[in-house]
Each structure stands twice: as C-alpha cells, then as structure tokens.
Protein backbone atom coordinates (compact mmCIF):
# COMPACT_ATOMS: atom_id res chain seq x y z
CA UNK A 1 20.35 20.16 -2.78
CA UNK A 2 17.07 21.62 -1.58
CA UNK A 3 14.74 19.54 0.67
CA UNK A 4 11.09 20.39 1.32
CA UNK A 5 9.35 18.76 4.23
CA UNK A 6 5.57 17.88 4.18
CA UNK A 7 3.75 17.03 7.32
CA UNK A 8 1.10 14.53 6.13
CA UNK A 9 -2.15 13.55 7.79
CA UNK A 10 -0.70 10.60 9.73
CA UNK A 11 2.08 12.76 11.32
CA UNK A 12 4.85 11.28 9.22
CA UNK A 13 7.07 13.64 7.34
CA UNK A 14 7.96 13.24 3.65
CA UNK A 15 11.10 14.67 2.18
CA UNK A 16 10.66 15.98 -1.33
CA UNK A 17 13.84 16.76 -3.01
CA UNK A 18 14.15 19.73 -5.43
CA UNK A 19 13.23 17.43 -8.18
CA UNK A 20 9.71 17.08 -6.78
CA UNK A 21 7.38 14.16 -6.79
CA UNK A 22 8.64 10.77 -8.01
CA UNK A 23 6.67 8.20 -10.09
CA UNK A 24 6.65 5.92 -7.01
CA UNK A 25 5.28 8.71 -4.83
CA UNK A 26 2.61 9.48 -7.43
CA UNK A 27 1.47 5.84 -7.64
CA UNK A 28 1.54 5.36 -3.86
CA UNK A 29 -0.48 8.48 -3.23
CA UNK A 30 -3.12 7.79 -5.88
CA UNK A 31 -3.33 4.13 -4.80
CA UNK A 32 -3.91 5.15 -1.04
CA UNK A 33 -6.50 7.75 -2.23
CA UNK A 34 -8.37 5.13 -4.24
CA UNK A 35 -8.35 2.56 -1.40
CA UNK A 36 -9.77 5.19 0.99
CA UNK A 37 -12.47 6.70 -1.27
CA UNK A 38 -13.67 3.76 -3.40
CA UNK A 39 -15.39 0.56 -2.32
CA UNK A 40 -13.11 -2.36 -3.19
CA UNK A 41 -15.25 -5.05 -1.68
CA UNK A 42 -16.60 -5.99 -5.13
CA UNK A 43 -13.01 -6.87 -6.14
CA UNK A 44 -12.20 -9.10 -3.14
CA UNK A 45 -13.00 -12.36 -5.08
CA UNK A 46 -11.60 -10.98 -8.37
CA UNK A 47 -8.87 -8.37 -7.83
CA UNK A 48 -8.51 -7.88 -11.53
CA UNK A 49 -11.87 -6.05 -11.53
CA UNK A 50 -10.40 -2.74 -10.14
CA UNK A 51 -6.87 -1.49 -10.59
CA UNK A 52 -4.47 1.48 -10.20
CA UNK A 53 -1.83 1.69 -12.96
CA UNK A 54 0.74 4.25 -14.15
CA UNK A 55 -0.11 6.10 -17.34
CA UNK A 56 2.10 8.16 -19.60
CA UNK A 57 4.46 10.86 -18.13
CA UNK A 58 5.13 14.31 -19.33
CA UNK A 59 7.79 16.74 -18.32
CA UNK A 60 5.34 18.38 -15.85
CA UNK A 61 3.19 15.52 -14.69
CA UNK A 62 2.43 11.78 -14.14
CA UNK A 63 -0.82 10.13 -15.18
CA UNK A 64 -2.16 7.51 -12.83
CA UNK A 65 -5.29 5.60 -13.89
CA UNK A 66 -7.87 4.01 -11.60
CA UNK A 67 -10.16 1.53 -13.25
CA UNK A 68 -13.44 0.67 -11.58
CA UNK A 69 -15.35 -2.57 -11.84
CA UNK A 70 -18.04 -0.59 -13.86
CA UNK A 71 -15.45 0.17 -16.61
CA UNK A 72 -15.20 3.90 -15.57
CA UNK A 73 -11.75 5.35 -15.30
CA UNK A 74 -10.42 8.21 -13.14
CA UNK A 75 -7.36 9.76 -14.51
CA UNK A 76 -5.08 11.43 -11.86
CA UNK A 77 -2.75 14.08 -13.28
CA UNK A 78 0.06 14.62 -10.68
CA UNK A 79 1.96 17.74 -10.85
CA UNK A 80 5.67 16.68 -10.37
CA UNK A 81 6.59 19.86 -8.63
CA UNK A 82 3.88 20.38 -6.10
CA UNK A 83 1.86 17.17 -5.85
CA UNK A 84 -1.38 18.94 -6.76
CA UNK A 85 -3.42 16.28 -8.58
CA UNK A 86 -6.29 16.87 -11.07
CA UNK A 87 -8.99 14.15 -11.24
CA UNK A 88 -10.72 13.54 -14.57
CA UNK A 89 -13.48 10.92 -14.66
CA UNK A 90 -13.98 9.02 -17.86
CA UNK A 91 -16.57 6.64 -19.28
CA UNK A 92 -14.91 5.43 -22.50
CA UNK A 93 -17.96 3.42 -23.62
CA UNK A 94 -19.95 6.62 -23.62
CA UNK A 95 -17.21 9.10 -24.63
CA UNK A 96 -17.78 11.08 -21.47
CA UNK A 97 -14.92 12.97 -19.64
CA UNK A 98 -15.50 15.24 -16.72
CA UNK A 99 -13.34 17.11 -14.36
CA UNK A 100 -13.82 15.80 -10.85
CA UNK A 101 -11.79 18.15 -8.72
CA UNK A 102 -8.27 18.15 -7.24
CA UNK A 103 -6.46 16.59 -4.24
CA UNK A 104 -3.06 17.24 -2.61
CA UNK A 105 -1.11 14.03 -3.26
CA UNK A 106 0.94 14.60 -0.17
CA UNK A 107 -2.07 13.99 2.01
CA UNK A 108 -2.22 10.51 0.80
CA UNK A 109 1.38 9.38 1.26
CA UNK A 110 2.36 6.91 3.88
CA UNK A 111 -1.17 5.98 4.75
CA UNK A 112 -2.25 2.41 5.32
CA UNK A 113 -4.71 1.13 2.72
C-alpha cells in the first residue's frame, strides 16, 4: 500500500492512500471551503436556505454542490486522485453556467468552519 502525505494549511497532515480522495474527504473539503468563502449569516435563522450536498460520482471525480440562498449553485468537481477541484457556477433559472476556477481540496481539509 502506498501512502501520500499532504501538509495542509493548519499544520495537520492528511494521509491519502493510493486509492486517492474519499467521498467523505471531498464533502469535508468543499464544506470547509464554502464556510470560509461564502457569507452564511443569512442562513443563521433558516439553515435550509444554504447547503452543501453530494452529487453524482464518476470513476474519476466526485461532484459536491453548494446551494446559495439566492438559488445559485456552485458545482465542485473533485478529482479522486489528486484533490484538484474545478468550480462551475450555475444559475439554473437563467440557464447560465460558468467556470469559476480551481482549488486544491487538500488545502481545506481539517479546517474549522
């Protein structure tokens, strides 16, 4: 078995087995990212207004979906092998999709919300 070690921003080390990123790691990293980058104060009284959920999974990646109180979606496509994550913003009501960049999922693991 091969283990890769990742030194994350908070000084903790994550062990990533040869199988790569797990679904739990994908959700945790995206959830941490969303809580650090988006204003959740609007959802304090009604937490259902904003959410992070798992989407479909392919052989190569996980899809994790952030839903904003505005109805906009950010789809996070997490590469299972590397943790590189593509962000695609979507406004379903307007039929708009746009690539919003990439993040390294490993930078957002083990971080406090």
